[in-house]
Amino acid sequence: MPLYEHVMIARQDLSNTQAEGLIEHFGTVLADNGGKLLENEYWGVKTMAYKINKNRKGHYAFMRTDAPAPAVQEMERLMRLHDDVMRVLTIKVDAHEEGPSIQMQKRDDRDGRRERR
C-alpha cells in the first residue's frame, strides 16, 4: 500500500487530550477503510505565521500511515468537515524515515542543551 505523511492543525482552544483524541479518531477512520496508522506524534501548541479562522495558535500533529488512496481520501474528507481541524497537509512518500520527525528532533536538541547548562 502507498505510504503517506499527514500534518494536521487543530483549534487552539482544545485541550491536549482532545487534540490527541483527534489523532486516534482519524487513525480508526483509516483502519475502518483498510489502512494503518503506523506512527503519530503530537507536536503541541505552536504559533502560526498567520491567523486561520481568527486563531493565532494551533495544536499540531504528525501521522505516518500505510493506506490505500480511498482510505486517505475519506480521512481527509472527514478532517475537512470536522469543526476542530483547521488545516491538513498530506504527502505521499516512497519510504518513512526511521525515528522521530525533524520537529521532535529539534525539541530533543533543545532539551539536551538545557540539561548541559
N, C-alpha and C. Protein backbone atom coordinates (compact mmCIF):
# COMPACT_ATOMS: atom_id res chain seq x y z
N MET A 1 0.84 -1.19 0.00
CA MET A 1 0.00 0.00 0.00
C MET A 1 0.88 1.24 0.00
N PRO A 2 0.38 2.35 -0.50
CA PRO A 2 1.15 3.59 -0.51
C PRO A 2 1.38 4.12 0.91
N LEU A 3 2.47 4.84 1.07
CA LEU A 3 2.82 5.44 2.36
C LEU A 3 2.55 6.94 2.30
N TYR A 4 1.99 7.48 3.38
CA TYR A 4 1.65 8.90 3.44
C TYR A 4 2.12 9.48 4.76
N GLU A 5 2.36 10.80 4.74
CA GLU A 5 2.61 11.58 5.95
C GLU A 5 1.60 12.71 5.98
N HIS A 6 1.01 12.93 7.16
CA HIS A 6 -0.02 13.96 7.32
C HIS A 6 0.38 14.89 8.46
N VAL A 7 0.15 16.17 8.26
CA VAL A 7 0.29 17.15 9.34
C VAL A 7 -1.08 17.81 9.48
N MET A 8 -1.56 17.87 10.71
CA MET A 8 -2.88 18.41 10.99
C MET A 8 -2.75 19.54 12.01
N ILE A 9 -3.51 20.61 11.81
CA ILE A 9 -3.57 21.70 12.78
C ILE A 9 -4.99 21.77 13.31
N ALA A 10 -5.13 21.66 14.64
CA ALA A 10 -6.43 21.74 15.29
C ALA A 10 -6.54 23.06 16.05
N ARG A 11 -7.76 23.43 16.38
CA ARG A 11 -8.02 24.70 17.07
C ARG A 11 -7.25 24.80 18.39
N GLN A 12 -6.87 26.03 18.74
CA GLN A 12 -6.05 26.26 19.93
C GLN A 12 -6.81 26.08 21.24
N ASP A 13 -8.13 26.20 21.22
CA ASP A 13 -8.88 26.12 22.47
C ASP A 13 -9.21 24.68 22.89
N LEU A 14 -8.72 23.69 22.17
CA LEU A 14 -8.87 22.30 22.59
C LEU A 14 -7.83 21.98 23.67
N SER A 15 -8.13 20.99 24.49
CA SER A 15 -7.12 20.54 25.45
C SER A 15 -6.16 19.59 24.72
N ASN A 16 -5.03 19.32 25.34
CA ASN A 16 -4.06 18.39 24.74
C ASN A 16 -4.69 17.02 24.54
N THR A 17 -5.50 16.59 25.50
CA THR A 17 -6.14 15.29 25.42
C THR A 17 -7.11 15.23 24.24
N GLN A 18 -7.87 16.30 24.03
CA GLN A 18 -8.80 16.34 22.90
C GLN A 18 -8.06 16.32 21.58
N ALA A 19 -6.95 17.05 21.50
CA ALA A 19 -6.17 17.09 20.27
C ALA A 19 -5.58 15.71 19.96
N GLU A 20 -5.08 15.02 20.99
CA GLU A 20 -4.55 13.67 20.78
C GLU A 20 -5.68 12.70 20.45
N GLY A 21 -6.88 12.95 20.97
CA GLY A 21 -8.04 12.14 20.64
C GLY A 21 -8.41 12.24 19.18
N LEU A 22 -8.19 13.41 18.58
CA LEU A 22 -8.44 13.56 17.15
C LEU A 22 -7.53 12.65 16.33
N ILE A 23 -6.28 12.51 16.74
CA ILE A 23 -5.34 11.63 16.05
C ILE A 23 -5.87 10.20 16.09
N GLU A 24 -6.29 9.77 17.27
CA GLU A 24 -6.82 8.41 17.41
C GLU A 24 -8.08 8.23 16.57
N HIS A 25 -8.94 9.22 16.57
CA HIS A 25 -10.19 9.15 15.80
C HIS A 25 -9.90 8.96 14.31
N PHE A 26 -9.00 9.76 13.77
CA PHE A 26 -8.71 9.65 12.35
C PHE A 26 -7.90 8.39 12.04
N GLY A 27 -7.17 7.88 13.01
CA GLY A 27 -6.49 6.59 12.84
C GLY A 27 -7.50 5.46 12.71
N THR A 28 -8.60 5.51 13.48
CA THR A 28 -9.64 4.49 13.36
C THR A 28 -10.39 4.62 12.04
N VAL A 29 -10.53 5.85 11.53
CA VAL A 29 -11.15 6.03 10.22
C VAL A 29 -10.32 5.32 9.16
N LEU A 30 -9.00 5.46 9.24
CA LEU A 30 -8.12 4.76 8.30
C LEU A 30 -8.25 3.24 8.44
N ALA A 31 -8.26 2.77 9.69
CA ALA A 31 -8.34 1.33 9.93
C ALA A 31 -9.66 0.76 9.40
N ASP A 32 -10.74 1.50 9.55
CA ASP A 32 -12.04 1.05 9.05
C ASP A 32 -12.07 0.95 7.53
N ASN A 33 -11.20 1.68 6.86
CA ASN A 33 -11.16 1.69 5.40
C ASN A 33 -9.98 0.90 4.84
N GLY A 34 -9.34 0.09 5.67
CA GLY A 34 -8.29 -0.79 5.17
C GLY A 34 -6.88 -0.25 5.28
N GLY A 35 -6.66 0.81 6.03
CA GLY A 35 -5.32 1.38 6.20
C GLY A 35 -4.80 1.18 7.60
N LYS A 36 -3.59 1.68 7.84
CA LYS A 36 -2.97 1.58 9.17
C LYS A 36 -2.32 2.90 9.53
N LEU A 37 -2.49 3.30 10.77
CA LEU A 37 -1.76 4.43 11.32
C LEU A 37 -0.49 3.85 11.94
N LEU A 38 0.65 4.05 11.28
CA LEU A 38 1.90 3.43 11.72
C LEU A 38 2.49 4.14 12.91
N GLU A 39 2.45 5.46 12.88
CA GLU A 39 3.11 6.25 13.91
C GLU A 39 2.44 7.61 13.99
N ASN A 40 2.40 8.19 15.17
CA ASN A 40 1.89 9.56 15.28
C ASN A 40 2.68 10.31 16.33
N GLU A 41 2.74 11.61 16.14
CA GLU A 41 3.43 12.49 17.09
C GLU A 41 2.55 13.70 17.33
N TYR A 42 2.43 14.07 18.59
CA TYR A 42 1.72 15.29 18.94
C TYR A 42 2.79 16.35 19.19
N TRP A 43 2.80 17.38 18.36
CA TRP A 43 3.84 18.40 18.45
C TRP A 43 3.52 19.51 19.42
N GLY A 44 2.30 19.61 19.90
CA GLY A 44 1.93 20.63 20.86
C GLY A 44 1.33 21.86 20.22
N VAL A 45 1.13 22.89 21.03
CA VAL A 45 0.56 24.15 20.56
C VAL A 45 1.69 25.02 20.04
N LYS A 46 1.53 25.49 18.82
CA LYS A 46 2.55 26.33 18.20
C LYS A 46 1.90 27.57 17.62
N THR A 47 2.66 28.65 17.55
CA THR A 47 2.20 29.89 16.94
C THR A 47 2.31 29.77 15.43
N MET A 48 1.24 30.16 14.74
CA MET A 48 1.23 30.08 13.28
C MET A 48 1.73 31.39 12.68
N ALA A 49 2.14 31.34 11.45
CA ALA A 49 2.66 32.52 10.76
C ALA A 49 1.56 33.55 10.50
N TYR A 50 0.34 33.09 10.33
CA TYR A 50 -0.80 33.99 10.09
C TYR A 50 -2.05 33.38 10.71
N LYS A 51 -3.04 34.21 10.94
CA LYS A 51 -4.28 33.75 11.56
C LYS A 51 -5.06 32.85 10.61
N ILE A 52 -5.63 31.80 11.16
CA ILE A 52 -6.55 30.93 10.44
C ILE A 52 -7.82 30.87 11.27
N ASN A 53 -8.93 31.27 10.70
CA ASN A 53 -10.23 31.28 11.41
C ASN A 53 -10.12 32.03 12.74
N LYS A 54 -9.45 33.15 12.74
CA LYS A 54 -9.25 34.01 13.91
C LYS A 54 -8.40 33.37 15.01
N ASN A 55 -7.67 32.31 14.69
CA ASN A 55 -6.78 31.66 15.65
C ASN A 55 -5.33 31.99 15.32
N ARG A 56 -4.57 32.36 16.33
CA ARG A 56 -3.16 32.68 16.16
C ARG A 56 -2.28 31.45 16.43
N LYS A 57 -2.79 30.49 17.22
CA LYS A 57 -2.05 29.28 17.56
C LYS A 57 -2.88 28.06 17.19
N GLY A 58 -2.23 26.91 17.20
CA GLY A 58 -2.94 25.67 16.91
C GLY A 58 -2.19 24.47 17.44
N HIS A 59 -2.92 23.37 17.65
CA HIS A 59 -2.34 22.09 18.05
C HIS A 59 -1.86 21.38 16.79
N TYR A 60 -0.58 21.06 16.73
CA TYR A 60 0.00 20.40 15.57
C TYR A 60 0.15 18.90 15.86
N ALA A 61 -0.17 18.08 14.86
CA ALA A 61 0.00 16.63 14.98
C ALA A 61 0.55 16.09 13.66
N PHE A 62 1.35 15.05 13.76
CA PHE A 62 2.00 14.42 12.61
C PHE A 62 1.66 12.94 12.61
N MET A 63 1.28 12.41 11.45
CA MET A 63 0.91 10.99 11.36
C MET A 63 1.61 10.36 10.16
N ARG A 64 2.08 9.14 10.36
CA ARG A 64 2.63 8.33 9.27
C ARG A 64 1.65 7.18 9.05
N THR A 65 1.22 7.00 7.80
CA THR A 65 0.21 5.99 7.52
C THR A 65 0.63 5.10 6.35
N ASP A 66 0.02 3.94 6.32
CA ASP A 66 0.13 2.99 5.23
C ASP A 66 -1.30 2.64 4.86
N ALA A 67 -1.81 3.24 3.80
CA ALA A 67 -3.23 3.12 3.49
C ALA A 67 -3.48 3.25 2.00
N PRO A 68 -4.55 2.62 1.52
CA PRO A 68 -4.93 2.82 0.12
C PRO A 68 -5.48 4.24 -0.07
N ALA A 69 -5.42 4.71 -1.30
CA ALA A 69 -5.85 6.09 -1.59
C ALA A 69 -7.28 6.38 -1.16
N PRO A 70 -8.25 5.46 -1.36
CA PRO A 70 -9.63 5.77 -0.92
C PRO A 70 -9.73 6.00 0.59
N ALA A 71 -8.93 5.27 1.39
CA ALA A 71 -8.95 5.46 2.84
C ALA A 71 -8.42 6.84 3.21
N VAL A 72 -7.35 7.27 2.53
CA VAL A 72 -6.78 8.59 2.80
C VAL A 72 -7.76 9.69 2.38
N GLN A 73 -8.41 9.50 1.24
CA GLN A 73 -9.39 10.48 0.78
C GLN A 73 -10.55 10.60 1.75
N GLU A 74 -11.00 9.48 2.30
CA GLU A 74 -12.10 9.52 3.28
C GLU A 74 -11.66 10.23 4.56
N MET A 75 -10.43 9.94 5.02
CA MET A 75 -9.93 10.60 6.21
C MET A 75 -9.81 12.11 5.99
N GLU A 76 -9.28 12.52 4.85
CA GLU A 76 -9.16 13.95 4.55
C GLU A 76 -10.53 14.61 4.46
N ARG A 77 -11.49 13.92 3.87
CA ARG A 77 -12.85 14.47 3.76
C ARG A 77 -13.43 14.71 5.15
N LEU A 78 -13.27 13.74 6.05
CA LEU A 78 -13.78 13.89 7.41
C LEU A 78 -13.02 14.97 8.18
N MET A 79 -11.72 15.12 7.91
CA MET A 79 -10.95 16.18 8.55
C MET A 79 -11.45 17.56 8.12
N ARG A 80 -11.75 17.71 6.82
CA ARG A 80 -12.25 18.99 6.33
C ARG A 80 -13.62 19.32 6.92
N LEU A 81 -14.43 18.30 7.20
CA LEU A 81 -15.76 18.53 7.76
C LEU A 81 -15.73 18.75 9.26
N HIS A 82 -14.68 18.29 9.94
CA HIS A 82 -14.58 18.40 11.40
C HIS A 82 -14.34 19.85 11.79
N ASP A 83 -15.11 20.34 12.75
CA ASP A 83 -15.01 21.74 13.17
C ASP A 83 -13.69 22.07 13.87
N ASP A 84 -13.08 21.09 14.52
CA ASP A 84 -11.86 21.35 15.29
C ASP A 84 -10.59 21.35 14.44
N VAL A 85 -10.65 20.83 13.24
CA VAL A 85 -9.47 20.75 12.37
C VAL A 85 -9.45 21.96 11.45
N MET A 86 -8.34 22.72 11.50
CA MET A 86 -8.24 23.93 10.68
C MET A 86 -7.52 23.67 9.35
N ARG A 87 -6.45 22.89 9.36
CA ARG A 87 -5.68 22.63 8.15
C ARG A 87 -5.15 21.20 8.18
N VAL A 88 -4.98 20.64 6.97
CA VAL A 88 -4.40 19.30 6.81
C VAL A 88 -3.48 19.33 5.61
N LEU A 89 -2.33 18.70 5.74
CA LEU A 89 -1.40 18.54 4.63
C LEU A 89 -1.07 17.06 4.54
N THR A 90 -1.26 16.47 3.36
CA THR A 90 -0.96 15.07 3.13
C THR A 90 0.07 14.96 2.02
N ILE A 91 1.11 14.17 2.26
CA ILE A 91 2.17 13.98 1.28
C ILE A 91 2.39 12.48 1.10
N LYS A 92 2.46 12.04 -0.15
CA LYS A 92 2.77 10.65 -0.44
C LYS A 92 4.29 10.52 -0.47
N VAL A 93 4.83 9.53 0.26
CA VAL A 93 6.27 9.34 0.35
C VAL A 93 6.64 7.94 -0.14
N ASP A 94 7.89 7.78 -0.56
CA ASP A 94 8.36 6.47 -1.01
C ASP A 94 8.66 5.55 0.18
N ALA A 95 9.21 6.14 1.25
CA ALA A 95 9.54 5.37 2.45
C ALA A 95 9.49 6.30 3.65
N HIS A 96 9.09 5.75 4.79
CA HIS A 96 9.09 6.54 6.02
C HIS A 96 10.49 6.55 6.61
N GLU A 97 10.88 7.69 7.15
CA GLU A 97 12.17 7.78 7.82
C GLU A 97 12.07 7.12 9.19
N GLU A 98 13.14 6.52 9.61
CA GLU A 98 13.17 5.88 10.92
C GLU A 98 13.35 6.94 12.00
N GLY A 99 12.79 6.69 13.16
CA GLY A 99 12.96 7.58 14.29
C GLY A 99 11.99 8.73 14.27
N PRO A 100 12.20 9.67 15.19
CA PRO A 100 11.27 10.80 15.30
C PRO A 100 11.41 11.77 14.13
N SER A 101 10.36 12.55 13.92
CA SER A 101 10.38 13.55 12.85
C SER A 101 11.38 14.66 13.20
N ILE A 102 11.67 15.48 12.24
CA ILE A 102 12.63 16.57 12.45
C ILE A 102 12.14 17.54 13.53
N GLN A 103 10.84 17.71 13.62
CA GLN A 103 10.26 18.60 14.63
C GLN A 103 10.56 18.08 16.04
N MET A 104 10.43 16.79 16.24
CA MET A 104 10.71 16.20 17.55
C MET A 104 12.21 16.17 17.82
N GLN A 105 13.02 16.02 16.79
CA GLN A 105 14.47 16.04 16.97
C GLN A 105 14.91 17.41 17.46
N LYS A 106 14.31 18.48 16.92
CA LYS A 106 14.66 19.83 17.37
C LYS A 106 14.30 20.00 18.83
N ARG A 107 13.16 19.45 19.26
CA ARG A 107 12.74 19.55 20.65
C ARG A 107 13.73 18.81 21.54
N ASP A 108 14.17 17.61 21.11
CA ASP A 108 15.14 16.85 21.88
C ASP A 108 16.46 17.60 22.00
N ASP A 109 16.88 18.27 20.92
CA ASP A 109 18.12 19.05 20.96
C ASP A 109 18.01 20.19 21.96
N ARG A 110 16.87 20.87 21.98
CA ARG A 110 16.68 21.97 22.93
C ARG A 110 16.71 21.45 24.36
N ASP A 111 16.06 20.31 24.60
CA ASP A 111 16.05 19.75 25.95
C ASP A 111 17.46 19.36 26.38
N GLY A 112 18.24 18.82 25.47
CA GLY A 112 19.62 18.43 25.79
C GLY A 112 20.48 19.62 26.14
N ARG A 113 20.29 20.73 25.42
CA ARG A 113 21.07 21.94 25.71
C ARG A 113 20.72 22.51 27.08
N ARG A 114 19.46 22.43 27.46
CA ARG A 114 19.05 22.95 28.77
C ARG A 114 19.69 22.14 29.90
N GLU A 115 19.79 20.83 29.69
CA GLU A 115 20.36 19.98 30.74
C GLU A 115 21.85 20.21 30.91
N ARG A 116 22.55 20.53 29.83
CA ARG A 116 24.01 20.71 29.89
C ARG A 116 24.40 22.02 30.54
N ARG A 117 23.54 22.98 30.57
CA ARG A 117 23.90 24.30 31.14
C ARG A 117 24.14 24.25 32.59
